[in-house]
Amino acid sequence: MTSYHALRGKLVTGEFLATSPLTSGNIRGGVLLNMSAAERMRKARMLACYVSQSHVLSAIPLEPERLRRAPVYDFTQPCHPGALWYEVLGWPLTGWRWRQLAGQALAQYGELACR
């Protein structure tokens, strides 16, 4: 499932990054799902469970729904050049700090940190 990312300082939803320094090659691909009304309602209920993210998630439409196999990531590297969306919003957690914490978790838990 896609979520959101920043591109040239703007919010992008419903699509994967075309490429990422975290992975090798093009990572868009995947499948586009056409959801029924019941499936859209179920997705809305699931997203409503993320109360702490409600402000961000309210800006994301329920469709399109895209899925793909998750690539192998290096979470210690930036996912794309430039500011991350939460940095654009001025949140206190920076991409640099997130990557530092991810590196610590990987060092402590190894592959288990990503499951």
PDB file of N, CA and C in Angstrom:
ATOM      1  N   MET A   1       0.843  -1.177   0.000  1.00  0.00           N
ATOM      2  CA  MET A   1       0.000   0.000   0.000  1.00  0.00           C
ATOM      3  C   MET A   1       0.889   1.241   0.000  1.00  0.00           C
ATOM      4  N   THR A   2       0.551   2.178  -0.836  1.00  0.00           N
ATOM      5  CA  THR A   2       1.278   3.448  -0.822  1.00  0.00           C
ATOM      6  C   THR A   2       0.810   4.270   0.368  1.00  0.00           C
ATOM      7  N   SER A   3       1.582   5.219   0.732  1.00  0.00           N
ATOM      8  CA  SER A   3       1.125   6.156   1.757  1.00  0.00           C
ATOM      9  C   SER A   3       1.343   7.559   1.202  1.00  0.00           C
ATOM     10  N   TYR A   4       2.411   8.207   1.608  1.00  0.00           N
ATOM     11  CA  TYR A   4       2.650   9.558   1.122  1.00  0.00           C
ATOM     12  C   TYR A   4       4.139   9.847   1.147  1.00  0.00           C
ATOM     13  N   HIS A   5       4.534  10.804   0.330  1.00  0.00           N
ATOM     14  CA  HIS A   5       5.913  11.285   0.344  1.00  0.00           C
ATOM     15  C   HIS A   5       5.935  12.699  -0.231  1.00  0.00           C
ATOM     16  N   ALA A   6       7.062  13.336  -0.081  1.00  0.00           N
ATOM     17  CA  ALA A   6       7.236  14.690  -0.609  1.00  0.00           C
ATOM     18  C   ALA A   6       7.935  14.616  -1.958  1.00  0.00           C
ATOM     19  N   LEU A   7       7.526  15.477  -2.857  1.00  0.00           N
ATOM     20  CA  LEU A   7       8.198  15.638  -4.141  1.00  0.00           C
ATOM     21  C   LEU A   7       8.222  17.129  -4.438  1.00  0.00           C
ATOM     22  N   ARG A   8       9.429  17.688  -4.481  1.00  0.00           N
ATOM     23  CA  ARG A   8       9.608  19.130  -4.695  1.00  0.00           C
ATOM     24  C   ARG A   8       8.785  19.954  -3.701  1.00  0.00           C
ATOM     25  N   GLY A   9       8.747  19.490  -2.449  1.00  0.00           N
ATOM     26  CA  GLY A   9       8.065  20.223  -1.393  1.00  0.00           C
ATOM     27  C   GLY A   9       6.556  20.072  -1.361  1.00  0.00           C
ATOM     28  N   LYS A  10       6.007  19.200  -2.201  1.00  0.00           N
ATOM     29  CA  LYS A  10       4.556  18.988  -2.261  1.00  0.00           C
ATOM     30  C   LYS A  10       4.228  17.564  -1.807  1.00  0.00           C
ATOM     31  N   LEU A  11       3.026  17.388  -1.269  1.00  0.00           N
ATOM     32  CA  LEU A  11       2.545  16.082  -0.845  1.00  0.00           C
ATOM     33  C   LEU A  11       2.146  15.254  -2.058  1.00  0.00           C
ATOM     34  N   VAL A  12       2.639  14.017  -2.122  1.00  0.00           N
ATOM     35  CA  VAL A  12       2.268  13.066  -3.171  1.00  0.00           C
ATOM     36  C   VAL A  12       1.655  11.857  -2.489  1.00  0.00           C
ATOM     37  N   THR A  13       0.476  11.446  -2.950  1.00  0.00           N
ATOM     38  CA  THR A  13      -0.198  10.278  -2.383  1.00  0.00           C
ATOM     39  C   THR A  13      -0.580   9.319  -3.502  1.00  0.00           C
ATOM     40  N   GLY A  14      -0.813   8.067  -3.137  1.00  0.00           N
ATOM     41  CA  GLY A  14      -1.341   7.090  -4.079  1.00  0.00           C
ATOM     42  C   GLY A  14      -0.362   6.570  -5.102  1.00  0.00           C
ATOM     43  N   GLU A  15       0.923   6.868  -4.949  1.00  0.00           N
ATOM     44  CA  GLU A  15       1.913   6.308  -5.867  1.00  0.00           C
ATOM     45  C   GLU A  15       3.221   6.074  -5.126  1.00  0.00           C
ATOM     46  N   PHE A  16       3.947   5.093  -5.616  1.00  0.00           N
ATOM     47  CA  PHE A  16       5.239   4.769  -5.025  1.00  0.00           C
ATOM     48  C   PHE A  16       6.309   5.682  -5.615  1.00  0.00           C
ATOM     49  N   LEU A  17       7.396   5.836  -4.892  1.00  0.00           N
ATOM     50  CA  LEU A  17       8.550   6.538  -5.450  1.00  0.00           C
ATOM     51  C   LEU A  17       9.002   5.790  -6.696  1.00  0.00           C
ATOM     52  N   ALA A  18       9.364   6.527  -7.750  1.00  0.00           N
ATOM     53  CA  ALA A  18       9.803   5.881  -8.990  1.00  0.00           C
ATOM     54  C   ALA A  18      11.072   5.081  -8.755  1.00  0.00           C
ATOM     55  N   THR A  19      12.019   5.686  -8.094  1.00  0.00           N
ATOM     56  CA  THR A  19      13.250   5.007  -7.710  1.00  0.00           C
ATOM     57  C   THR A  19      13.635   5.535  -6.347  1.00  0.00           C
ATOM     58  N   SER A  20      14.489   4.819  -5.695  1.00  0.00           N
ATOM     59  CA  SER A  20      14.908   5.238  -4.365  1.00  0.00           C
ATOM     60  C   SER A  20      16.341   4.819  -4.142  1.00  0.00           C
ATOM     61  N   PRO A  21      17.155   5.683  -3.520  1.00  0.00           N
ATOM     62  CA  PRO A  21      18.512   5.280  -3.168  1.00  0.00           C
ATOM     63  C   PRO A  21      18.522   4.101  -2.196  1.00  0.00           C
ATOM     64  N   LEU A  22      17.368   3.828  -1.570  1.00  0.00           N
ATOM     65  CA  LEU A  22      17.290   2.710  -0.631  1.00  0.00           C
ATOM     66  C   LEU A  22      17.303   1.365  -1.333  1.00  0.00           C
ATOM     67  N   THR A  23      16.932   1.349  -2.602  1.00  0.00           N
ATOM     68  CA  THR A  23      16.758   0.095  -3.324  1.00  0.00           C
ATOM     69  C   THR A  23      17.510   0.169  -4.636  1.00  0.00           C
ATOM     70  N   SER A  24      17.504  -0.913  -5.372  1.00  0.00           N
ATOM     71  CA  SER A  24      18.110  -0.887  -6.696  1.00  0.00           C
ATOM     72  C   SER A  24      17.004  -0.925  -7.741  1.00  0.00           C
ATOM     73  N   GLY A  25      17.130  -0.103  -8.773  1.00  0.00           N
ATOM     74  CA  GLY A  25      16.200  -0.125  -9.892  1.00  0.00           C
ATOM     75  C   GLY A  25      14.868   0.553  -9.627  1.00  0.00           C
ATOM     76  N   ASN A  26      13.970   0.375 -10.599  1.00  0.00           N
ATOM     77  CA  ASN A  26      12.639   0.977 -10.526  1.00  0.00           C
ATOM     78  C   ASN A  26      11.773   0.175  -9.572  1.00  0.00           C
ATOM     79  N   ILE A  27      11.104   0.866  -8.653  1.00  0.00           N
ATOM     80  CA  ILE A  27      10.303   0.158  -7.655  1.00  0.00           C
ATOM     81  C   ILE A  27       8.823   0.501  -7.748  1.00  0.00           C
ATOM     82  N   ARG A  28       8.390   1.163  -8.821  1.00  0.00           N
ATOM     83  CA  ARG A  28       6.961   1.496  -8.931  1.00  0.00           C
ATOM     84  C   ARG A  28       6.157   0.224  -9.071  1.00  0.00           C
ATOM     85  N   GLY A  29       6.014  -0.283 -10.272  1.00  0.00           N
ATOM     86  CA  GLY A  29       5.333  -1.550 -10.516  1.00  0.00           C
ATOM     87  C   GLY A  29       4.079  -1.748  -9.695  1.00  0.00           C
ATOM     88  N   GLY A  30       3.772  -2.994  -9.456  1.00  0.00           N
ATOM     89  CA  GLY A  30       2.669  -3.319  -8.581  1.00  0.00           C
ATOM     90  C   GLY A  30       1.354  -3.477  -9.299  1.00  0.00           C
ATOM     91  N   VAL A  31       0.298  -3.473  -8.502  1.00  0.00           N
ATOM     92  CA  VAL A  31      -1.052  -3.739  -8.975  1.00  0.00           C
ATOM     93  C   VAL A  31      -1.955  -2.587  -8.544  1.00  0.00           C
ATOM     94  N   LEU A  32      -2.837  -2.168  -9.422  1.00  0.00           N
ATOM     95  CA  LEU A  32      -3.831  -1.154  -9.103  1.00  0.00           C
ATOM     96  C   LEU A  32      -5.151  -1.865  -8.836  1.00  0.00           C
ATOM     97  N   LEU A  33      -5.710  -1.666  -7.648  1.00  0.00           N
ATOM     98  CA  LEU A  33      -6.963  -2.317  -7.265  1.00  0.00           C
ATOM     99  C   LEU A  33      -8.129  -1.351  -7.395  1.00  0.00           C
ATOM    100  N   ASN A  34      -9.224  -1.842  -7.922  1.00  0.00           N
ATOM    101  CA  ASN A  34     -10.477  -1.091  -7.926  1.00  0.00           C
ATOM    102  C   ASN A  34     -11.282  -1.577  -6.734  1.00  0.00           C
ATOM    103  N   MET A  35     -11.515  -0.703  -5.777  1.00  0.00           N
ATOM    104  CA  MET A  35     -12.205  -1.100  -4.554  1.00  0.00           C
ATOM    105  C   MET A  35     -13.708  -0.884  -4.676  1.00  0.00           C
ATOM    106  N   SER A  36     -14.445  -1.789  -4.068  1.00  0.00           N
ATOM    107  CA  SER A  36     -15.893  -1.630  -3.972  1.00  0.00           C
ATOM    108  C   SER A  36     -16.195  -0.601  -2.882  1.00  0.00           C
ATOM    109  N   ALA A  37     -17.442  -0.189  -2.801  1.00  0.00           N
ATOM    110  CA  ALA A  37     -17.847   0.759  -1.756  1.00  0.00           C
ATOM    111  C   ALA A  37     -17.574   0.177  -0.372  1.00  0.00           C
ATOM    112  N   ALA A  38     -17.853  -1.113  -0.198  1.00  0.00           N
ATOM    113  CA  ALA A  38     -17.616  -1.762   1.101  1.00  0.00           C
ATOM    114  C   ALA A  38     -16.125  -1.778   1.436  1.00  0.00           C
ATOM    115  N   GLU A  39     -15.281  -2.007   0.433  1.00  0.00           N
ATOM    116  CA  GLU A  39     -13.832  -2.022   0.672  1.00  0.00           C
ATOM    117  C   GLU A  39     -13.322  -0.627   1.016  1.00  0.00           C
ATOM    118  N   ARG A  40     -13.851   0.394   0.360  1.00  0.00           N
ATOM    119  CA  ARG A  40     -13.461   1.771   0.697  1.00  0.00           C
ATOM    120  C   ARG A  40     -13.867   2.113   2.127  1.00  0.00           C
ATOM    121  N   MET A  41     -15.047   1.683   2.537  1.00  0.00           N
ATOM    122  CA  MET A  41     -15.491   1.931   3.910  1.00  0.00           C
ATOM    123  C   MET A  41     -14.595   1.207   4.909  1.00  0.00           C
ATOM    124  N   ARG A  42     -14.219  -0.033   4.594  1.00  0.00           N
ATOM    125  CA  ARG A  42     -13.336  -0.800   5.477  1.00  0.00           C
ATOM    126  C   ARG A  42     -11.978  -0.112   5.591  1.00  0.00           C
ATOM    127  N   LYS A  43     -11.450   0.365   4.474  1.00  0.00           N
ATOM    128  CA  LYS A  43     -10.168   1.064   4.505  1.00  0.00           C
ATOM    129  C   LYS A  43     -10.278   2.336   5.340  1.00  0.00           C
ATOM    130  N   ALA A  44     -11.364   3.068   5.186  1.00  0.00           N
ATOM    131  CA  ALA A  44     -11.563   4.288   5.981  1.00  0.00           C
ATOM    132  C   ALA A  44     -11.597   3.961   7.468  1.00  0.00           C
ATOM    133  N   ARG A  45     -12.258   2.871   7.835  1.00  0.00           N
ATOM    134  CA  ARG A  45     -12.308   2.480   9.250  1.00  0.00           C
ATOM    135  C   ARG A  45     -10.920   2.082   9.750  1.00  0.00           C
ATOM    136  N   MET A  46     -10.158   1.376   8.924  1.00  0.00           N
ATOM    137  CA  MET A  46      -8.800   0.986   9.339  1.00  0.00           C
ATOM    138  C   MET A  46      -7.921   2.220   9.537  1.00  0.00           C
ATOM    139  N   LEU A  47      -7.968   3.155   8.604  1.00  0.00           N
ATOM    140  CA  LEU A  47      -7.147   4.362   8.726  1.00  0.00           C
ATOM    141  C   LEU A  47      -7.566   5.206   9.919  1.00  0.00           C
ATOM    142  N   ALA A  48      -8.846   5.172  10.267  1.00  0.00           N
ATOM    143  CA  ALA A  48      -9.337   5.931  11.425  1.00  0.00           C
ATOM    144  C   ALA A  48      -8.733   5.423  12.728  1.00  0.00           C
ATOM    145  N   CYS A  49      -8.201   4.213  12.730  1.00  0.00           N
ATOM    146  CA  CYS A  49      -7.556   3.664  13.932  1.00  0.00           C
ATOM    147  C   CYS A  49      -6.251   4.388  14.251  1.00  0.00           C
ATOM    148  N   TYR A  50      -5.653   5.049  13.269  1.00  0.00           N
ATOM    149  CA  TYR A  50      -4.388   5.757  13.467  1.00  0.00           C
ATOM    150  C   TYR A  50      -4.678   7.185  13.922  1.00  0.00           C
ATOM    151  N   VAL A  51      -5.148   7.312  15.137  1.00  0.00           N
ATOM    152  CA  VAL A  51      -5.589   8.606  15.666  1.00  0.00           C
ATOM    153  C   VAL A  51      -4.463   9.636  15.617  1.00  0.00           C
ATOM    154  N   SER A  52      -3.248   9.224  15.952  1.00  0.00           N
ATOM    155  CA  SER A  52      -2.134  10.180  15.972  1.00  0.00           C
ATOM    156  C   SER A  52      -1.779  10.679  14.571  1.00  0.00           C
ATOM    157  N   GLN A  53      -2.209   9.974  13.539  1.00  0.00           N
ATOM    158  CA  GLN A  53      -1.925  10.362  12.158  1.00  0.00           C
ATOM    159  C   GLN A  53      -3.142  10.967  11.461  1.00  0.00           C
ATOM    160  N   SER A  54      -4.214  11.219  12.191  1.00  0.00           N
ATOM    161  CA  SER A  54      -5.472  11.628  11.558  1.00  0.00           C
ATOM    162  C   SER A  54      -5.327  12.890  10.712  1.00  0.00           C
ATOM    163  N   HIS A  55      -4.531  13.850  11.165  1.00  0.00           N
ATOM    164  CA  HIS A  55      -4.362  15.088  10.397  1.00  0.00           C
ATOM    165  C   HIS A  55      -3.715  14.800   9.043  1.00  0.00           C
ATOM    166  N   VAL A  56      -2.682  13.976   9.027  1.00  0.00           N
ATOM    167  CA  VAL A  56      -1.996  13.640   7.779  1.00  0.00           C
ATOM    168  C   VAL A  56      -2.882  12.759   6.913  1.00  0.00           C
ATOM    169  N   LEU A  57      -3.477  11.732   7.508  1.00  0.00           N
ATOM    170  CA  LEU A  57      -4.274  10.784   6.736  1.00  0.00           C
ATOM    171  C   LEU A  57      -5.527  11.418   6.142  1.00  0.00           C
ATOM    172  N   SER A  58      -6.031  12.478   6.743  1.00  0.00           N
ATOM    173  CA  SER A  58      -7.225  13.136   6.197  1.00  0.00           C
ATOM    174  C   SER A  58      -6.940  13.773   4.837  1.00  0.00           C
ATOM    175  N   ALA A  59      -5.675  14.023   4.532  1.00  0.00           N
ATOM    176  CA  ALA A  59      -5.294  14.615   3.247  1.00  0.00           C
ATOM    177  C   ALA A  59      -5.069  13.562   2.165  1.00  0.00           C
ATOM    178  N   ILE A  60      -5.181  12.293   2.532  1.00  0.00           N
ATOM    179  CA  ILE A  60      -4.891  11.212   1.592  1.00  0.00           C
ATOM    180  C   ILE A  60      -6.195  10.567   1.138  1.00  0.00           C
ATOM    181  N   PRO A  61      -6.476  10.582  -0.177  1.00  0.00           N
ATOM    182  CA  PRO A  61      -7.696   9.939  -0.656  1.00  0.00           C
ATOM    183  C   PRO A  61      -7.641   8.422  -0.466  1.00  0.00           C
ATOM    184  N   LEU A  62      -8.798   7.800  -0.370  1.00  0.00           N
ATOM    185  CA  LEU A  62      -8.858   6.348  -0.190  1.00  0.00           C
ATOM    186  C   LEU A  62      -8.425   5.598  -1.447  1.00  0.00           C
ATOM    187  N   GLU A  63      -8.562   6.225  -2.584  1.00  0.00           N
ATOM    188  CA  GLU A  63      -8.147   5.598  -3.835  1.00  0.00           C
ATOM    189  C   GLU A  63      -7.205   6.537  -4.568  1.00  0.00           C
ATOM    190  N   PRO A  64      -6.339   6.062  -5.407  1.00  0.00           N
ATOM    191  CA  PRO A  64      -6.200   4.680  -5.853  1.00  0.00           C
ATOM    192  C   PRO A  64      -5.523   3.810  -4.799  1.00  0.00           C
ATOM    193  N   GLU A  65      -5.748   2.525  -4.900  1.00  0.00           N
ATOM    194  CA  GLU A  65      -5.113   1.544  -4.012  1.00  0.00           C
ATOM    195  C   GLU A  65      -4.087   0.778  -4.836  1.00  0.00           C
ATOM    196  N   ARG A  66      -2.827   1.005  -4.524  1.00  0.00           N
ATOM    197  CA  ARG A  66      -1.744   0.321  -5.238  1.00  0.00           C
ATOM    198  C   ARG A  66      -0.991  -0.563  -4.260  1.00  0.00           C
ATOM    199  N   LEU A  67      -0.641  -1.748  -4.725  1.00  0.00           N
ATOM    200  CA  LEU A  67       0.125  -2.700  -3.924  1.00  0.00           C
ATOM    201  C   LEU A  67       1.315  -3.173  -4.737  1.00  0.00           C
ATOM    202  N   ARG A  68       2.383  -3.495  -4.061  1.00  0.00           N
ATOM    203  CA  ARG A  68       3.545  -4.100  -4.715  1.00  0.00           C
ATOM    204  C   ARG A  68       4.338  -4.860  -3.670  1.00  0.00           C
ATOM    205  N   ARG A  69       5.182  -5.736  -4.140  1.00  0.00           N
ATOM    206  CA  ARG A  69       6.096  -6.435  -3.238  1.00  0.00           C
ATOM    207  C   ARG A  69       7.067  -5.407  -2.674  1.00  0.00           C
ATOM    208  N   ALA A  70       7.264  -5.447  -1.382  1.00  0.00           N
ATOM    209  CA  ALA A  70       8.180  -4.494  -0.745  1.00  0.00           C
ATOM    210  C   ALA A  70       9.615  -4.791  -1.163  1.00  0.00           C
ATOM    211  N   PRO A  71      10.337  -3.775  -1.627  1.00  0.00           N
ATOM    212  CA  PRO A  71      11.748  -3.987  -1.951  1.00  0.00           C
ATOM    213  C   PRO A  71      12.577  -4.118  -0.675  1.00  0.00           C
ATOM    214  N   VAL A  72      13.796  -4.544  -0.838  1.00  0.00           N
ATOM    215  CA  VAL A  72      14.724  -4.606   0.293  1.00  0.00           C
ATOM    216  C   VAL A  72      15.273  -3.193   0.497  1.00  0.00           C
ATOM    217  N   TYR A  73      15.063  -2.647   1.673  1.00  0.00           N
ATOM    218  CA  TYR A  73      15.461  -1.273   1.964  1.00  0.00           C
ATOM    219  C   TYR A  73      16.718  -1.221   2.822  1.00  0.00           C
ATOM    220  N   ASP A  74      17.454  -0.131   2.688  1.00  0.00           N
ATOM    221  CA  ASP A  74      18.510   0.226   3.624  1.00  0.00           C
ATOM    222  C   ASP A  74      17.989   1.443   4.378  1.00  0.00           C
ATOM    223  N   PHE A  75      17.414   1.204   5.544  1.00  0.00           N
ATOM    224  CA  PHE A  75      16.753   2.266   6.299  1.00  0.00           C
ATOM    225  C   PHE A  75      17.721   3.280   6.899  1.00  0.00           C
ATOM    226  N   THR A  76      19.021   3.073   6.721  1.00  0.00           N
ATOM    227  CA  THR A  76      19.991   4.049   7.215  1.00  0.00           C
ATOM    228  C   THR A  76      20.313   5.107   6.160  1.00  0.00           C
ATOM    229  N   GLN A  77      19.708   4.981   4.974  1.00  0.00           N
ATOM    230  CA  GLN A  77      19.941   5.924   3.881  1.00  0.00           C
ATOM    231  C   GLN A  77      18.669   6.727   3.606  1.00  0.00           C
ATOM    232  N   PRO A  78      18.804   7.965   3.118  1.00  0.00           N
ATOM    233  CA  PRO A  78      17.607   8.746   2.771  1.00  0.00           C
ATOM    234  C   PRO A  78      16.800   8.034   1.685  1.00  0.00           C
ATOM    235  N   CYS A  79      15.482   8.109   1.770  1.00  0.00           N
ATOM    236  CA  CYS A  79      14.647   7.427   0.774  1.00  0.00           C
ATOM    237  C   CYS A  79      14.576   8.198  -0.539  1.00  0.00           C
ATOM    238  N   HIS A  80      14.839   9.490  -0.495  1.00  0.00           N
ATOM    239  CA  HIS A  80      14.901  10.307  -1.703  1.00  0.00           C
ATOM    240  C   HIS A  80      15.627  11.602  -1.359  1.00  0.00           C
ATOM    241  N   PRO A  81      16.155  12.298  -2.372  1.00  0.00           N
ATOM    242  CA  PRO A  81      16.809  13.576  -2.097  1.00  0.00           C
ATOM    243  C   PRO A  81      15.786  14.610  -1.625  1.00  0.00           C
ATOM    244  N   GLY A  82      16.234  15.554  -0.872  1.00  0.00           N
ATOM    245  CA  GLY A  82      15.351  16.626  -0.430  1.00  0.00           C
ATOM    246  C   GLY A  82      14.643  16.306   0.871  1.00  0.00           C
ATOM    247  N   ALA A  83      13.743  17.211   1.233  1.00  0.00           N
ATOM    248  CA  ALA A  83      13.034  17.094   2.511  1.00  0.00           C
ATOM    249  C   ALA A  83      11.984  15.990   2.462  1.00  0.00           C
ATOM    250  N   LEU A  84      11.840  15.310   3.578  1.00  0.00           N
ATOM    251  CA  LEU A  84      10.762  14.340   3.749  1.00  0.00           C
ATOM    252  C   LEU A  84       9.485  15.096   4.088  1.00  0.00           C
ATOM    253  N   TRP A  85       8.325  14.488   3.845  1.00  0.00           N
ATOM    254  CA  TRP A  85       7.079  15.215   4.060  1.00  0.00           C
ATOM    255  C   TRP A  85       6.944  15.700   5.489  1.00  0.00           C
ATOM    256  N   TYR A  86       7.305  14.861   6.455  1.00  0.00           N
ATOM    257  CA  TYR A  86       7.167  15.311   7.844  1.00  0.00           C
ATOM    258  C   TYR A  86       8.169  16.408   8.182  1.00  0.00           C
ATOM    259  N   GLU A  87       9.261  16.504   7.455  1.00  0.00           N
ATOM    260  CA  GLU A  87      10.174  17.633   7.639  1.00  0.00           C
ATOM    261  C   GLU A  87       9.566  18.910   7.050  1.00  0.00           C
ATOM    262  N   VAL A  88       8.895  18.779   5.896  1.00  0.00           N
ATOM    263  CA  VAL A  88       8.212  19.923   5.291  1.00  0.00           C
ATOM    264  C   VAL A  88       7.175  20.484   6.264  1.00  0.00           C
ATOM    265  N   LEU A  89       6.503  19.586   6.996  1.00  0.00           N
ATOM    266  CA  LEU A  89       5.481  20.006   7.959  1.00  0.00           C
ATOM    267  C   LEU A  89       6.077  20.572   9.243  1.00  0.00           C
ATOM    268  N   GLY A  90       7.398  20.443   9.411  1.00  0.00           N
ATOM    269  CA  GLY A  90       8.048  20.986  10.600  1.00  0.00           C
ATOM    270  C   GLY A  90       7.944  20.110  11.830  1.00  0.00           C
ATOM    271  N   TRP A  91       7.706  18.817  11.632  1.00  0.00           N
ATOM    272  CA  TRP A  91       7.631  17.915  12.780  1.00  0.00           C
ATOM    273  C   TRP A  91       8.998  17.837  13.451  1.00  0.00           C
ATOM    274  N   PRO A  92       9.050  17.536  14.736  1.00  0.00           N
ATOM    275  CA  PRO A  92      10.331  17.532  15.450  1.00  0.00           C
ATOM    276  C   PRO A  92      11.279  16.400  15.046  1.00  0.00           C
ATOM    277  N   LEU A  93      10.765  15.294  14.544  1.00  0.00           N
ATOM    278  CA  LEU A  93      11.631  14.186  14.124  1.00  0.00           C
ATOM    279  C   LEU A  93      12.144  14.464  12.720  1.00  0.00           C
ATOM    280  N   THR A  94      13.447  14.465  12.549  1.00  0.00           N
ATOM    281  CA  THR A  94      14.037  14.684  11.228  1.00  0.00           C
ATOM    282  C   THR A  94      14.347  13.347  10.579  1.00  0.00           C
ATOM    283  N   GLY A  95      14.522  13.379   9.273  1.00  0.00           N
ATOM    284  CA  GLY A  95      14.924  12.169   8.563  1.00  0.00           C
ATOM    285  C   GLY A  95      16.262  11.656   9.062  1.00  0.00           C
ATOM    286  N   TRP A  96      17.184  12.562   9.335  1.00  0.00           N
ATOM    287  CA  TRP A  96      18.495  12.160   9.850  1.00  0.00           C
ATOM    288  C   TRP A  96      18.340  11.395  11.161  1.00  0.00           C
ATOM    289  N   ARG A  97      17.522  11.925  12.069  1.00  0.00           N
ATOM    290  CA  ARG A  97      17.331  11.268  13.370  1.00  0.00           C
ATOM    291  C   ARG A  97      16.615   9.929  13.206  1.00  0.00           C
ATOM    292  N   TRP A  98      15.621   9.871  12.322  1.00  0.00           N
ATOM    293  CA  TRP A  98      14.908   8.612  12.090  1.00  0.00           C
ATOM    294  C   TRP A  98      15.882   7.547  11.595  1.00  0.00           C
ATOM    295  N   ARG A  99      16.750   7.928  10.640  1.00  0.00           N
ATOM    296  CA  ARG A  99      17.721   6.964  10.107  1.00  0.00           C
ATOM    297  C   ARG A  99      18.704   6.529  11.186  1.00  0.00           C
ATOM    298  N   GLN A 100      19.078   7.457  12.068  1.00  0.00           N
ATOM    299  CA  GLN A 100      19.964   7.113  13.177  1.00  0.00           C
ATOM    300  C   GLN A 100      19.289   6.076  14.086  1.00  0.00           C
ATOM    301  N   LEU A 101      18.028   6.300  14.428  1.00  0.00           N
ATOM    302  CA  LEU A 101      17.288   5.354  15.270  1.00  0.00           C
ATOM    303  C   LEU A 101      17.085   4.018  14.556  1.00  0.00           C
ATOM    304  N   ALA A 102      16.825   4.056  13.259  1.00  0.00           N
ATOM    305  CA  ALA A 102      16.680   2.816  12.491  1.00  0.00           C
ATOM    306  C   ALA A 102      17.981   2.025  12.515  1.00  0.00           C
ATOM    307  N   GLY A 103      19.101   2.712  12.363  1.00  0.00           N
ATOM    308  CA  GLY A 103      20.398   2.038  12.425  1.00  0.00           C
ATOM    309  C   GLY A 103      20.642   1.393  13.774  1.00  0.00           C
ATOM    310  N   GLN A 104      20.251   2.082  14.843  1.00  0.00           N
ATOM    311  CA  GLN A 104      20.398   1.507  16.183  1.00  0.00           C
ATOM    312  C   GLN A 104      19.526   0.269  16.346  1.00  0.00           C
ATOM    313  N   ALA A 105      18.288   0.330  15.858  1.00  0.00           N
ATOM    314  CA  ALA A 105      17.387  -0.828  15.951  1.00  0.00           C
ATOM    315  C   ALA A 105      17.932  -1.996  15.141  1.00  0.00           C
ATOM    316  N   LEU A 106      18.451  -1.716  13.950  1.00  0.00           N
ATOM    317  CA  LEU A 106      19.019  -2.784  13.128  1.00  0.00           C
ATOM    318  C   LEU A 106      20.242  -3.398  13.792  1.00  0.00           C
ATOM    319  N   ALA A 107      21.074  -2.559  14.409  1.00  0.00           N
ATOM    320  CA  ALA A 107      22.260  -3.074  15.100  1.00  0.00           C
ATOM    321  C   ALA A 107      21.858  -3.949  16.282  1.00  0.00           C
ATOM    322  N   GLN A 108      20.791  -3.569  16.971  1.00  0.00           N
ATOM    323  CA  GLN A 108      20.364  -4.317  18.153  1.00  0.00           C
ATOM    324  C   GLN A 108      19.572  -5.572  17.800  1.00  0.00           C
ATOM    325  N   TYR A 109      18.679  -5.474  16.814  1.00  0.00           N
ATOM    326  CA  TYR A 109      17.761  -6.577  16.532  1.00  0.00           C
ATOM    327  C   TYR A 109      18.014  -7.276  15.204  1.00  0.00           C
ATOM    328  N   GLY A 110      18.877  -6.732  14.373  1.00  0.00           N
ATOM    329  CA  GLY A 110      19.138  -7.341  13.079  1.00  0.00           C
ATOM    330  C   GLY A 110      17.885  -7.369  12.220  1.00  0.00           C
ATOM    331  N   GLU A 111      17.712  -8.444  11.467  1.00  0.00           N
ATOM    332  CA  GLU A 111      16.563  -8.562  10.569  1.00  0.00           C
ATOM    333  C   GLU A 111      15.237  -8.556  11.307  1.00  0.00           C
ATOM    334  N   LEU A 112      15.223  -8.946  12.557  1.00  0.00           N
ATOM    335  CA  LEU A 112      13.971  -8.962  13.315  1.00  0.00           C
ATOM    336  C   LEU A 112      13.360  -7.570  13.426  1.00  0.00           C
ATOM    337  N   ALA A 113      14.176  -6.529  13.313  1.00  0.00           N
ATOM    338  CA  ALA A 113      13.669  -5.163  13.413  1.00  0.00           C
ATOM    339  C   ALA A 113      12.752  -4.818  12.244  1.00  0.00           C
ATOM    340  N   CYS A 114      12.859  -5.550  11.147  1.00  0.00           N
ATOM    341  CA  CYS A 114      12.082  -5.245   9.939  1.00  0.00           C
ATOM    342  C   CYS A 114      10.921  -6.200   9.724  1.00  0.00           C
ATOM    343  N   ARG A 115      10.555  -6.956  10.718  1.00  0.00           N
ATOM    344  CA  ARG A 115       9.439  -7.905  10.536  1.00  0.00           C
ATOM    345  C   ARG A 115       8.295  -7.565  11.416  1.00  0.00           C
TER     346      ARG A 115
END
